[in-house]
């Protein structure tokens, strides 16, 4: 497994291809990795993890993509991403998962990469009440810098991580109430350490994106540059 890609230039994100719309919604369980017989073109879906520093965003990404947990994982500086391929109803979906630094001093590094996201996973830690109360701030920051046209329709998924930690400060009912009052977002209590609900959370994000694409809703503008597009006949640089 290749190490995560570290990003320091916002032009890199702008050059990433936008996903093509899916032909149908998923009705079968997700399976990691494409089958040898698959020939359908892959759809690229970008999801981004946001939340306070130390809530376990990097651990969630690494658990889902590599199925590993590192207790000595360093804090993210800026942003990084990993890809994971899923098979959905006979077609390939490449899930591009972006991990971001939660500290305030890294805001200028992370916010340029919000644009073009198909789904946002707002993450808090079950043993950190403040990280839960900061969800509103993270949601507003994302909607502003991603230039979301209709925030109430955008697919957010809420993750309460570190379910394995005994010193719980946020109740499940409080978290579900917040979700109901802030757009009816799906909520998962996860543990990157023992992998509880990690795959289910990311797969729900994919389902939300595919359902939205099926309805023809594109809620975030994109600055994607097609690097493979051929110039039009007669085009001139002058």
Protein backbone atom coordinates (compact mmCIF):
# COMPACT_ATOMS: atom_id res chain seq x y z
CA UNK A 1 0.00 0.00 0.00
CA UNK A 2 1.44 3.36 -1.05
CA UNK A 3 1.82 6.03 1.63
CA UNK A 4 -0.70 8.87 1.72
CA UNK A 5 -0.20 11.71 -0.73
CA UNK A 6 0.67 15.00 0.93
CA UNK A 7 -0.62 18.14 -0.74
CA UNK A 8 0.80 21.64 -0.41
CA UNK A 9 -0.38 23.26 -3.65
CA UNK A 10 -4.04 24.06 -4.24
CA UNK A 11 -3.57 23.74 -8.01
CA UNK A 12 -3.20 20.00 -7.56
CA UNK A 13 -6.73 19.69 -6.24
CA UNK A 14 -8.11 21.76 -9.12
CA UNK A 15 -6.58 19.33 -11.60
CA UNK A 16 -8.29 16.30 -10.12
CA UNK A 17 -11.01 14.91 -12.42
CA UNK A 18 -14.63 15.29 -11.44
CA UNK A 19 -16.73 12.13 -11.15
CA UNK A 20 -19.01 11.02 -13.91
CA UNK A 21 -22.66 10.48 -12.89
CA UNK A 22 -23.56 6.89 -11.95
CA UNK A 23 -26.09 4.95 -13.93
CA UNK A 24 -27.92 3.49 -10.94
CA UNK A 25 -28.05 3.38 -7.19
CA UNK A 26 -26.31 0.62 -5.21
CA UNK A 27 -28.49 -2.30 -4.21
CA UNK A 28 -25.77 -4.80 -3.31
CA UNK A 29 -23.23 -4.90 -0.48
CA UNK A 30 -20.03 -2.98 -1.18
CA UNK A 31 -16.96 -5.00 -2.10
CA UNK A 32 -13.47 -3.57 -1.85
CA UNK A 33 -11.37 -3.67 -4.99
CA UNK A 34 -12.46 -4.22 -8.59
CA UNK A 35 -13.05 -7.70 -9.96
CA UNK A 36 -10.86 -8.88 -12.88
CA UNK A 37 -13.88 -8.96 -15.17
CA UNK A 38 -14.84 -5.35 -14.56
CA UNK A 39 -14.57 -3.11 -17.61
CA UNK A 40 -16.76 -0.16 -16.63
CA UNK A 41 -15.06 3.21 -16.31
CA UNK A 42 -14.39 4.20 -12.71
CA UNK A 43 -16.27 7.10 -11.14
CA UNK A 44 -14.13 9.28 -8.89
CA UNK A 45 -15.88 10.49 -5.73
CA UNK A 46 -14.18 12.94 -3.41
CA UNK A 47 -15.05 12.85 0.29
CA UNK A 48 -13.40 14.97 2.95
CA UNK A 49 -12.95 14.42 6.68
CA UNK A 50 -13.32 17.52 8.88
CA UNK A 51 -13.19 17.97 12.64
CA UNK A 52 -11.04 19.12 15.53
CA UNK A 53 -7.45 17.99 15.79
CA UNK A 54 -7.05 14.68 17.58
CA UNK A 55 -10.53 13.26 16.91
CA UNK A 56 -9.09 10.46 14.78
CA UNK A 57 -9.68 11.53 11.19
CA UNK A 58 -6.36 10.14 9.94
CA UNK A 59 -6.93 6.90 11.82
CA UNK A 60 -10.38 6.51 10.25
CA UNK A 61 -8.99 7.03 6.76
CA UNK A 62 -6.13 4.61 7.31
CA UNK A 63 -8.35 1.99 8.92
CA UNK A 64 -10.74 2.07 5.99
CA UNK A 65 -8.15 2.11 3.21
CA UNK A 66 -5.35 -0.03 4.68
CA UNK A 67 -7.22 -1.82 7.50
CA UNK A 68 -4.47 -0.77 9.90
CA UNK A 69 -4.44 1.26 13.11
CA UNK A 70 -1.35 3.12 14.28
CA UNK A 71 -1.35 4.37 17.87
CA UNK A 72 1.62 6.63 17.07
CA UNK A 73 0.09 8.37 14.06
CA UNK A 74 1.25 11.99 13.78
CA UNK A 75 -1.14 14.91 13.39
CA UNK A 76 -1.88 15.83 9.79
CA UNK A 77 -0.15 18.95 8.50
CA UNK A 78 -2.26 20.58 5.79
CA UNK A 79 -4.07 17.82 3.90
CA UNK A 80 -3.42 14.34 2.53
CA UNK A 81 -5.49 11.80 0.68
CA UNK A 82 -5.80 8.09 -0.06
CA UNK A 83 -7.84 6.26 -2.69
CA UNK A 84 -9.94 3.14 -2.26
CA UNK A 85 -11.80 1.29 -4.99
CA UNK A 86 -15.24 -0.22 -4.44
CA UNK A 87 -17.43 -2.32 -6.67
CA UNK A 88 -21.02 -1.10 -6.76
CA UNK A 89 -23.53 -2.98 -8.90
CA UNK A 90 -20.86 -4.09 -11.35
CA UNK A 91 -19.14 -0.72 -11.73
CA UNK A 92 -16.03 0.68 -10.11
CA UNK A 93 -16.16 3.62 -7.74
CA UNK A 94 -12.87 5.18 -6.71
CA UNK A 95 -13.33 6.87 -3.37
CA UNK A 96 -10.80 9.64 -2.88
CA UNK A 97 -10.65 10.33 0.87
CA UNK A 98 -9.14 13.63 1.98
CA UNK A 99 -7.85 14.03 5.52
CA UNK A 100 -7.39 17.54 6.90
CA UNK A 101 -5.55 19.19 9.77
CA UNK A 102 -7.98 20.25 12.48
CA UNK A 103 -5.86 22.90 14.15
CA UNK A 104 -6.80 26.53 13.52
CA UNK A 105 -3.28 27.43 12.37
CA UNK A 106 -3.68 25.14 9.36
CA UNK A 107 -6.91 26.70 8.11
CA UNK A 108 -5.26 28.46 5.17
CA UNK A 109 -3.72 25.14 4.09
CA UNK A 110 -6.86 23.00 4.25
CA UNK A 111 -9.68 25.25 3.03
CA UNK A 112 -8.59 25.47 -0.64
CA UNK A 113 -9.22 21.73 -0.91
CA UNK A 114 -12.87 21.85 0.15
CA UNK A 115 -14.02 22.73 -3.36
CA UNK A 116 -15.06 19.81 -5.49
CA UNK A 117 -15.97 17.58 -2.54
CA UNK A 118 -18.91 15.25 -3.11
CA UNK A 119 -19.48 14.48 0.59
CA UNK A 120 -18.20 15.79 3.92
CA UNK A 121 -17.70 13.57 6.98
CA UNK A 122 -17.92 15.80 10.06
CA UNK A 123 -16.06 14.04 12.86
CA UNK A 124 -15.94 14.48 16.62
CA UNK A 125 -14.50 12.40 19.45
CA UNK A 126 -16.81 10.63 21.89
CA UNK A 127 -14.51 11.59 24.77
CA UNK A 128 -14.25 15.28 23.80
CA UNK A 129 -17.41 17.30 24.29
CA UNK A 130 -15.88 20.42 22.77
CA UNK A 131 -15.17 18.64 19.50
CA UNK A 132 -18.88 17.81 19.35
CA UNK A 133 -19.94 21.41 19.96
CA UNK A 134 -17.57 22.54 17.22
CA UNK A 135 -19.45 20.59 14.54
CA UNK A 136 -21.47 23.68 13.67
CA UNK A 137 -18.30 25.66 13.05
CA UNK A 138 -16.88 22.95 10.83
CA UNK A 139 -20.08 22.69 8.84
CA UNK A 140 -20.18 26.46 8.29
CA UNK A 141 -16.51 26.57 7.34
CA UNK A 142 -16.95 23.82 4.79
CA UNK A 143 -20.10 25.33 3.25
CA UNK A 144 -18.37 28.71 2.92
CA UNK A 145 -15.05 27.63 1.44
CA UNK A 146 -16.54 24.86 -0.72
CA UNK A 147 -19.09 27.36 -2.02
CA UNK A 148 -21.98 24.97 -1.43
CA UNK A 149 -25.03 26.25 -3.28
CA UNK A 150 -27.61 24.52 -1.08
CA UNK A 151 -26.08 23.47 2.28
CA UNK A 152 -29.35 21.93 3.45
CA UNK A 153 -29.17 19.41 0.59
CA UNK A 154 -25.46 18.67 0.67
CA UNK A 155 -24.58 15.11 1.83
CA UNK A 156 -22.94 15.41 5.24
CA UNK A 157 -22.27 12.29 7.34
CA UNK A 158 -21.60 12.68 11.07
CA UNK A 159 -19.05 10.45 12.82
CA UNK A 160 -18.68 10.06 16.57
CA UNK A 161 -15.25 8.44 16.75
CA UNK A 162 -13.34 6.70 19.57
CA UNK A 163 -16.31 4.58 20.59
CA UNK A 164 -13.80 2.24 22.25
CA UNK A 165 -12.75 4.89 24.81
CA UNK A 166 -14.56 4.35 28.15
CA UNK A 167 -14.60 8.03 29.21
CA UNK A 168 -17.53 9.02 27.03
CA UNK A 169 -18.62 12.68 27.14
CA UNK A 170 -21.17 12.79 24.30
CA UNK A 171 -24.32 10.68 24.41
CA UNK A 172 -25.71 9.02 21.33
CA UNK A 173 -29.02 10.79 21.83
CA UNK A 174 -27.36 14.22 21.92
CA UNK A 175 -25.51 13.43 18.70
CA UNK A 176 -28.64 12.15 16.96
CA UNK A 177 -30.59 15.20 18.10
CA UNK A 178 -27.93 17.46 16.61
CA UNK A 179 -28.22 15.57 13.33
CA UNK A 180 -32.00 15.93 13.30
CA UNK A 181 -31.81 19.66 14.00
CA UNK A 182 -29.11 20.34 11.43
CA UNK A 183 -30.36 18.66 8.29
CA UNK A 184 -31.23 15.07 9.18
CA UNK A 185 -27.71 13.81 8.56
CA UNK A 186 -26.84 10.12 9.06
CA UNK A 187 -24.86 9.42 12.23
CA UNK A 188 -22.34 6.67 12.96
CA UNK A 189 -20.49 5.87 16.16
CA UNK A 190 -17.12 4.58 15.04
CA UNK A 191 -13.87 3.21 16.36
CA UNK A 192 -10.82 3.38 14.14
CA UNK A 193 -9.02 1.23 16.72
CA UNK A 194 -11.30 -1.80 16.43
CA UNK A 195 -12.86 -0.82 13.05
CA UNK A 196 -16.43 -0.55 14.40
CA UNK A 197 -18.73 1.03 11.78
CA UNK A 198 -15.82 2.51 9.81
CA UNK A 199 -16.67 0.79 6.53
CA UNK A 200 -20.39 1.40 7.07
CA UNK A 201 -19.81 5.14 7.47
CA UNK A 202 -17.77 5.54 4.29
CA UNK A 203 -20.17 3.34 2.34
CA UNK A 204 -23.08 5.49 3.48
CA UNK A 205 -21.19 8.50 2.16
CA UNK A 206 -20.91 6.78 -1.22
CA UNK A 207 -24.61 5.94 -1.22
CA UNK A 208 -25.50 9.56 -0.48
CA UNK A 209 -23.33 10.84 -3.30
CA UNK A 210 -24.63 8.33 -5.83
CA UNK A 211 -28.23 9.09 -4.90
CA UNK A 212 -27.59 12.79 -5.38
CA UNK A 213 -25.85 12.25 -8.70
CA UNK A 214 -28.77 10.11 -9.82
CA UNK A 215 -31.08 13.06 -9.11
CA UNK A 216 -28.82 15.29 -11.15
CA UNK A 217 -27.94 17.55 -8.22
CA UNK A 218 -24.51 19.21 -8.33
CA UNK A 219 -24.23 21.38 -5.26
CA UNK A 220 -20.58 22.42 -5.45
CA UNK A 221 -18.94 24.19 -8.40
CA UNK A 222 -15.70 22.71 -9.64
CA UNK A 223 -12.52 24.22 -11.02
CA UNK A 224 -11.46 20.91 -12.54
CA UNK A 225 -9.14 21.18 -15.52
CA UNK A 226 -9.32 18.39 -18.09
CA UNK A 227 -5.66 17.73 -18.82
CA UNK A 228 -6.50 15.22 -21.55
CA UNK A 229 -8.94 17.33 -23.57
CA UNK A 230 -7.86 17.89 -27.16
CA UNK A 231 -7.84 21.48 -28.45
CA UNK A 232 -10.68 22.48 -30.73
CA UNK A 233 -9.98 22.73 -34.43
CA UNK A 234 -8.67 26.15 -35.32
CA UNK A 235 -7.91 27.04 -31.73
CA UNK A 236 -5.15 29.57 -31.28
CA UNK A 237 -2.99 30.67 -28.40
CA UNK A 238 -3.06 34.28 -29.57
